[in-house]
C-alpha atoms as a PDB file:
ATOM      1  CA  UNK A   1       1.533  -6.453  -8.936  1.00  0.00           C
ATOM      2  CA  UNK A   2      -1.294  -6.654  -6.691  1.00  0.00           C
ATOM      3  CA  UNK A   3      -3.915  -5.297  -9.783  1.00  0.00           C
ATOM      4  CA  UNK A   4      -2.560  -8.316 -11.607  1.00  0.00           C
ATOM      5  CA  UNK A   5      -3.221 -11.143  -9.150  1.00  0.00           C
ATOM      6  CA  UNK A   6      -6.116  -9.922  -8.382  1.00  0.00           C
ATOM      7  CA  UNK A   7      -7.138  -9.964 -11.991  1.00  0.00           C
ATOM      8  CA  UNK A   8      -5.504 -13.496 -12.630  1.00  0.00           C
ATOM      9  CA  UNK A   9      -7.570 -14.817  -9.551  1.00  0.00           C
ATOM     10  CA  UNK A  10     -10.718 -13.464 -11.363  1.00  0.00           C
ATOM     11  CA  UNK A  11     -10.059 -14.995 -14.648  1.00  0.00           C
ATOM     12  CA  UNK A  12      -8.354 -18.388 -13.348  1.00  0.00           C
ATOM     13  CA  UNK A  13     -11.823 -18.395 -11.768  1.00  0.00           C
ATOM     14  CA  UNK A  14     -13.949 -17.721 -14.552  1.00  0.00           C
ATOM     15  CA  UNK A  15     -16.998 -16.158 -12.478  1.00  0.00           C
ATOM     16  CA  UNK A  16     -17.270 -12.988 -10.560  1.00  0.00           C
ATOM     17  CA  UNK A  17     -18.859 -13.337  -7.523  1.00  0.00           C
ATOM     18  CA  UNK A  18     -18.547 -10.947  -4.254  1.00  0.00           C
ATOM     19  CA  UNK A  19     -16.940 -13.945  -2.328  1.00  0.00           C
ATOM     20  CA  UNK A  20     -14.544 -14.932  -5.180  1.00  0.00           C
ATOM     21  CA  UNK A  21     -13.587 -10.813  -5.171  1.00  0.00           C
ATOM     22  CA  UNK A  22     -12.923 -10.846  -1.527  1.00  0.00           C
ATOM     23  CA  UNK A  23     -10.980 -14.088  -1.619  1.00  0.00           C
ATOM     24  CA  UNK A  24      -9.140 -12.415  -4.613  1.00  0.00           C
ATOM     25  CA  UNK A  25      -8.169  -9.311  -2.710  1.00  0.00           C
ATOM     26  CA  UNK A  26      -6.886 -11.318   0.007  1.00  0.00           C
ATOM     27  CA  UNK A  27      -5.239 -13.542  -2.290  1.00  0.00           C
ATOM     28  CA  UNK A  28      -3.316 -10.742  -4.163  1.00  0.00           C
ATOM     29  CA  UNK A  29      -2.641  -9.305  -1.174  1.00  0.00           C
ATOM     30  CA  UNK A  30      -0.295 -12.410   0.325  1.00  0.00           C
ATOM     31  CA  UNK A  31       1.194 -12.615  -2.473  1.00  0.00           C
ATOM     32  CA  UNK A  32       1.832  -8.783  -2.640  1.00  0.00           C
ATOM     33  CA  UNK A  33       3.369  -8.765   0.505  1.00  0.00           C
ATOM     34  CA  UNK A  34       5.272 -12.063   0.031  1.00  0.00           C
ATOM     35  CA  UNK A  35       7.068 -10.738  -3.211  1.00  0.00           C
ATOM     36  CA  UNK A  36       7.914  -7.462  -0.624  1.00  0.00           C
ATOM     37  CA  UNK A  37       9.646  -9.911   1.724  1.00  0.00           C
ATOM     38  CA  UNK A  38      11.238 -12.427  -0.357  1.00  0.00           C
ATOM     39  CA  UNK A  39      11.489 -11.151  -3.787  1.00  0.00           C
ATOM     40  CA  UNK A  40      13.033  -7.104  -3.666  1.00  0.00           C
ATOM     41  CA  UNK A  41       9.456  -5.525  -4.328  1.00  0.00           C
ATOM     42  CA  UNK A  42       8.095  -2.855  -2.663  1.00  0.00           C
ATOM     43  CA  UNK A  43       5.429  -0.502  -2.360  1.00  0.00           C
ATOM     44  CA  UNK A  44       7.363   2.401  -4.469  1.00  0.00           C
ATOM     45  CA  UNK A  45       7.806   0.177  -7.120  1.00  0.00           C
ATOM     46  CA  UNK A  46       3.914  -0.401  -6.894  1.00  0.00           C
ATOM     47  CA  UNK A  47       3.330   3.434  -6.829  1.00  0.00           C
ATOM     48  CA  UNK A  48       5.613   4.054  -9.745  1.00  0.00           C
ATOM     49  CA  UNK A  49       4.059   0.761 -12.039  1.00  0.00           C
ATOM     50  CA  UNK A  50       0.627   2.496 -11.056  1.00  0.00           C
ATOM     51  CA  UNK A  51       1.813   6.169 -12.391  1.00  0.00           C
ATOM     52  CA  UNK A  52       3.056   5.028 -15.296  1.00  0.00           C
ATOM     53  CA  UNK A  53       0.408   2.664 -16.431  1.00  0.00           C
ATOM     54  CA  UNK A  54      -0.825   4.818 -18.891  1.00  0.00           C
ATOM     55  CA  UNK A  55       2.766   4.888 -20.388  1.00  0.00           C
ATOM     56  CA  UNK A  56       3.153   1.170 -20.513  1.00  0.00           C
ATOM     57  CA  UNK A  57      -0.994   1.028 -21.876  1.00  0.00           C
ATOM     58  CA  UNK A  58      -0.079   3.376 -24.879  1.00  0.00           C
ATOM     59  CA  UNK A  59       3.185   1.713 -24.975  1.00  0.00           C
ATOM     60  CA  UNK A  60       1.461  -1.390 -26.092  1.00  0.00           C
ATOM     61  CA  UNK A  61      -1.412   0.130 -28.254  1.00  0.00           C
ATOM     62  CA  UNK A  62       1.342   1.998 -30.482  1.00  0.00           C
ATOM     63  CA  UNK A  63       3.414  -2.039 -30.737  1.00  0.00           C
ATOM     64  CA  UNK A  64      -0.222  -3.382 -31.685  1.00  0.00           C
ATOM     65  CA  UNK A  65      -1.212  -0.861 -34.505  1.00  0.00           C
ATOM     66  CA  UNK A  66       2.968  -0.953 -35.692  1.00  0.00           C
ATOM     67  CA  UNK A  67       2.411  -4.915 -36.183  1.00  0.00           C
ATOM     68  CA  UNK A  68      -0.466  -4.519 -38.098  1.00  0.00           C
ATOM     69  CA  UNK A  69       0.607  -1.559 -40.006  1.00  0.00           C
ATOM     70  CA  UNK A  70       3.806  -3.690 -40.905  1.00  0.00           C
ATOM     71  CA  UNK A  71       1.749  -6.726 -41.945  1.00  0.00           C
ATOM     72  CA  UNK A  72       0.085  -4.876 -44.513  1.00  0.00           C
ATOM     73  CA  UNK A  73       3.776  -3.680 -45.855  1.00  0.00           C
ATOM     74  CA  UNK A  74       5.160  -7.302 -46.065  1.00  0.00           C
ATOM     75  CA  UNK A  75       1.969  -8.795 -47.267  1.00  0.00           C
ATOM     76  CA  UNK A  76       1.900  -5.666 -49.431  1.00  0.00           C
ATOM     77  CA  UNK A  77       5.650  -6.541 -50.606  1.00  0.00           C
ATOM     78  CA  UNK A  78       4.937 -10.381 -50.707  1.00  0.00           C
ATOM     79  CA  UNK A  79       1.674 -10.050 -52.931  1.00  0.00           C
ATOM     80  CA  UNK A  80       2.586  -7.373 -55.639  1.00  0.00           C
ATOM     81  CA  UNK A  81       6.040  -8.549 -56.086  1.00  0.00           C
ATOM     82  CA  UNK A  82       6.334  -5.574 -58.884  1.00  0.00           C
ATOM     83  CA  UNK A  83       9.668  -4.556 -56.630  1.00  0.00           C
ATOM     84  CA  UNK A  84      12.315  -6.251 -55.565  1.00  0.00           C
ATOM     85  CA  UNK A  85      12.852  -6.361 -51.437  1.00  0.00           C
ATOM     86  CA  UNK A  86      16.189  -4.542 -51.293  1.00  0.00           C
ATOM     87  CA  UNK A  87      17.368  -5.506 -47.422  1.00  0.00           C
ATOM     88  CA  UNK A  88      19.233  -2.949 -45.238  1.00  0.00           C
ATOM     89  CA  UNK A  89      21.335  -3.201 -42.313  1.00  0.00           C
ATOM     90  CA  UNK A  90      20.821   0.037 -40.153  1.00  0.00           C
ATOM     91  CA  UNK A  91      22.673   1.087 -37.035  1.00  0.00           C
ATOM     92  CA  UNK A  92      21.551   3.952 -34.389  1.00  0.00           C
ATOM     93  CA  UNK A  93      22.431   4.626 -31.026  1.00  0.00           C
ATOM     94  CA  UNK A  94      19.653   5.671 -28.381  1.00  0.00           C
ATOM     95  CA  UNK A  95      19.449   7.421 -25.384  1.00  0.00           C
ATOM     96  CA  UNK A  96      18.338   4.760 -23.208  1.00  0.00           C
ATOM     97  CA  UNK A  97      20.304   4.033 -20.195  1.00  0.00           C
ATOM     98  CA  UNK A  98      18.777   0.558 -18.853  1.00  0.00           C
ATOM     99  CA  UNK A  99      19.227  -2.731 -20.198  1.00  0.00           C
ATOM    100  CA  UNK A 100      15.774  -3.641 -19.389  1.00  0.00           C
ATOM    101  CA  UNK A 101      15.187  -0.658 -21.817  1.00  0.00           C
ATOM    102  CA  UNK A 102      17.357  -1.052 -23.978  1.00  0.00           C
ATOM    103  CA  UNK A 103      16.340  -4.955 -24.452  1.00  0.00           C
ATOM    104  CA  UNK A 104      12.705  -4.017 -24.433  1.00  0.00           C
ATOM    105  CA  UNK A 105      13.142  -1.810 -27.487  1.00  0.00           C
ATOM    106  CA  UNK A 106      15.145  -4.509 -29.317  1.00  0.00           C
ATOM    107  CA  UNK A 107      12.232  -6.921 -28.480  1.00  0.00           C
ATOM    108  CA  UNK A 108       9.861  -4.340 -30.043  1.00  0.00           C
ATOM    109  CA  UNK A 109      11.758  -4.027 -33.443  1.00  0.00           C
ATOM    110  CA  UNK A 110      12.132  -7.659 -33.926  1.00  0.00           C
ATOM    111  CA  UNK A 111       8.250  -8.253 -33.270  1.00  0.00           C
ATOM    112  CA  UNK A 112       7.270  -5.728 -35.486  1.00  0.00           C
ATOM    113  CA  UNK A 113       7.181  -7.670 -39.013  1.00  0.00           C
ATOM    114  CA  UNK A 114      10.264  -6.434 -41.561  1.00  0.00           C
ATOM    115  CA  UNK A 115      12.365  -5.695 -38.870  1.00  0.00           C
ATOM    116  CA  UNK A 116      14.852  -7.997 -36.587  1.00  0.00           C
ATOM    117  CA  UNK A 117      17.379  -6.774 -34.253  1.00  0.00           C
ATOM    118  CA  UNK A 118      20.593  -8.373 -34.666  1.00  0.00           C
ATOM    119  CA  UNK A 119      22.719  -6.606 -32.227  1.00  0.00           C
ATOM    120  CA  UNK A 120      22.631  -5.023 -29.506  1.00  0.00           C
ATOM    121  CA  UNK A 121      25.524  -3.453 -27.586  1.00  0.00           C
ATOM    122  CA  UNK A 122      25.976  -0.874 -25.220  1.00  0.00           C
ATOM    123  CA  UNK A 123      22.864   0.969 -26.537  1.00  0.00           C
ATOM    124  CA  UNK A 124      24.000   0.822 -30.539  1.00  0.00           C
ATOM    125  CA  UNK A 125      21.032  -1.131 -32.554  1.00  0.00           C
ATOM    126  CA  UNK A 126      22.220  -2.981 -35.517  1.00  0.00           C
ATOM    127  CA  UNK A 127      19.037  -3.811 -37.548  1.00  0.00           C
ATOM    128  CA  UNK A 128      18.122  -5.777 -40.685  1.00  0.00           C
ATOM    129  CA  UNK A 129      14.878  -4.978 -42.565  1.00  0.00           C
ATOM    130  CA  UNK A 130      13.774  -6.553 -45.011  1.00  0.00           C
ATOM    131  CA  UNK A 131      13.286  -3.211 -47.328  1.00  0.00           C
ATOM    132  CA  UNK A 132      14.644   0.217 -47.360  1.00  0.00           C
ATOM    133  CA  UNK A 133      11.580   1.318 -46.441  1.00  0.00           C
ATOM    134  CA  UNK A 134      10.963  -0.461 -43.099  1.00  0.00           C
ATOM    135  CA  UNK A 135      14.450   1.307 -42.126  1.00  0.00           C
ATOM    136  CA  UNK A 136      12.400   4.336 -42.328  1.00  0.00           C
ATOM    137  CA  UNK A 137      12.249   6.359 -38.898  1.00  0.00           C
ATOM    138  CA  UNK A 138      13.873   3.444 -37.324  1.00  0.00           C
ATOM    139  CA  UNK A 139      16.301   5.798 -35.489  1.00  0.00           C
ATOM    140  CA  UNK A 140      14.037   8.104 -33.663  1.00  0.00           C
ATOM    141  CA  UNK A 141      10.734   5.854 -32.669  1.00  0.00           C
ATOM    142  CA  UNK A 142       8.504   6.695 -30.653  1.00  0.00           C
ATOM    143  CA  UNK A 143       8.749   3.562 -28.989  1.00  0.00           C
ATOM    144  CA  UNK A 144      12.125   4.813 -28.151  1.00  0.00           C
ATOM    145  CA  UNK A 145      10.832   8.226 -26.711  1.00  0.00           C
ATOM    146  CA  UNK A 146       8.205   6.252 -24.626  1.00  0.00           C
ATOM    147  CA  UNK A 147      10.825   3.972 -23.422  1.00  0.00           C
ATOM    148  CA  UNK A 148      13.112   7.132 -22.317  1.00  0.00           C
ATOM    149  CA  UNK A 149       9.945   8.556 -20.708  1.00  0.00           C
ATOM    150  CA  UNK A 150       9.548   5.446 -18.262  1.00  0.00           C
ATOM    151  CA  UNK A 151      13.079   5.669 -17.748  1.00  0.00           C
ATOM    152  CA  UNK A 152      13.116   9.221 -16.512  1.00  0.00           C
ATOM    153  CA  UNK A 153      10.186   9.138 -14.447  1.00  0.00           C
ATOM    154  CA  UNK A 154      12.029   6.379 -12.962  1.00  0.00           C
ATOM    155  CA  UNK A 155      15.095   8.652 -12.316  1.00  0.00           C
ATOM    156  CA  UNK A 156      12.787  11.107 -11.055  1.00  0.00           C
ATOM    157  CA  UNK A 157      11.248   8.581  -8.221  1.00  0.00           C
ATOM    158  CA  UNK A 158      14.419   7.450  -6.806  1.00  0.00           C
ATOM    159  CA  UNK A 159      15.811  11.060  -6.687  1.00  0.00           C
ATOM    160  CA  UNK A 160      12.738  12.048  -4.778  1.00  0.00           C
ATOM    161  CA  UNK A 161      12.986   8.579  -2.851  1.00  0.00           C
ATOM    162  CA  UNK A 162      16.949  10.084  -1.802  1.00  0.00           C
ATOM    163  CA  UNK A 163      15.604  13.338  -0.806  1.00  0.00           C
ATOM    164  CA  UNK A 164      12.919  12.208   1.148  1.00  0.00           C
ATOM    165  CA  UNK A 165      15.328   9.817   3.065  1.00  0.00           C
ATOM    166  CA  UNK A 166      17.628  12.380   2.901  1.00  0.00           C
ATOM    167  CA  UNK A 167      15.332  14.715   4.885  1.00  0.00           C
ATOM    168  CA  UNK A 168      14.414  12.591   7.546  1.00  0.00           C
ATOM    169  CA  UNK A 169      17.729  11.760   8.220  1.00  0.00           C
ATOM    170  CA  UNK A 170      18.277  14.811   8.757  1.00  0.00           C
ATOM    171  CA  UNK A 171      15.258  15.157  10.739  1.00  0.00           C
ATOM    172  CA  UNK A 172      16.339  12.437  13.109  1.00  0.00           C
ATOM    173  CA  UNK A 173      19.851  14.108  13.360  1.00  0.00           C
ATOM    174  CA  UNK A 174      18.361  17.338  14.739  1.00  0.00           C
ATOM    175  CA  UNK A 175      16.176  16.095  16.953  1.00  0.00           C
ATOM    176  CA  UNK A 176      18.914  13.763  18.771  1.00  0.00           C
ATOM    177  CA  UNK A 177      21.323  16.991  18.563  1.00  0.00           C
ATOM    178  CA  UNK A 178      18.259  18.537  20.004  1.00  0.00           C
ATOM    179  CA  UNK A 179      17.714  16.196  23.040  1.00  0.00           C
ATOM    180  CA  UNK A 180      21.236  16.123  22.996  1.00  0.00           C
ATOM    181  CA  UNK A 181      21.169  19.576  23.689  1.00  0.00           C
ATOM    182  CA  UNK A 182      17.997  19.791  26.204  1.00  0.00           C
ATOM    183  CA  UNK A 183      19.833  16.970  28.403  1.00  0.00           C
ATOM    184  CA  UNK A 184      22.986  18.660  28.658  1.00  0.00           C
ATOM    185  CA  UNK A 185      20.772  22.073  29.752  1.00  0.00           C
ATOM    186  CA  UNK A 186      19.130  19.789  32.429  1.00  0.00           C
ATOM    187  CA  UNK A 187      22.458  18.848  33.685  1.00  0.00           C
ATOM    188  CA  UNK A 188      23.995  22.263  34.303  1.00  0.00           C
ATOM    189  CA  UNK A 189      20.591  23.188  36.015  1.00  0.00           C
ATOM    190  CA  UNK A 190      21.077  20.446  37.930  1.00  0.00           C
ATOM    191  CA  UNK A 191      24.832  21.475  39.360  1.00  0.00           C
END
């Protein structure tokens, strides 16, 4: 979010000088601190976003390409009128577990011309396709694979954080135990 705030600051100022950049850094840092304090945001989440930035960028580029490709296919279907469109309802299941990932995939399908997500329930999608050609490969799309990678990286990150917390907790307990034992030894020596 820091980078987003900084870029927005530069865009809203419509100019780039050293003074604007320095104020932008301060402004972005203050907003990030505010979010960490009051909006359940953390620097760990910030790191996770930066680690997955390439995947997000790849997702956006892929979405733009698919929208353009689908626009061409819909225009071709409308202009040529050689064939009658054969609308089709397709149902499929994905491996996505998080509601945010499932919703993003549903919205991606809807944004792509020629397809509309009619229903999303428990990870099962029902999609209306303008023609059967639009249904090809929808079950195992690159979008679902990218979202699964992002979701899995978050699980791995959470697992690492849990291991680190448990490790530091064990170290603190060992230190407490060690200091308690040292005190007991000192007390025995005194007596």
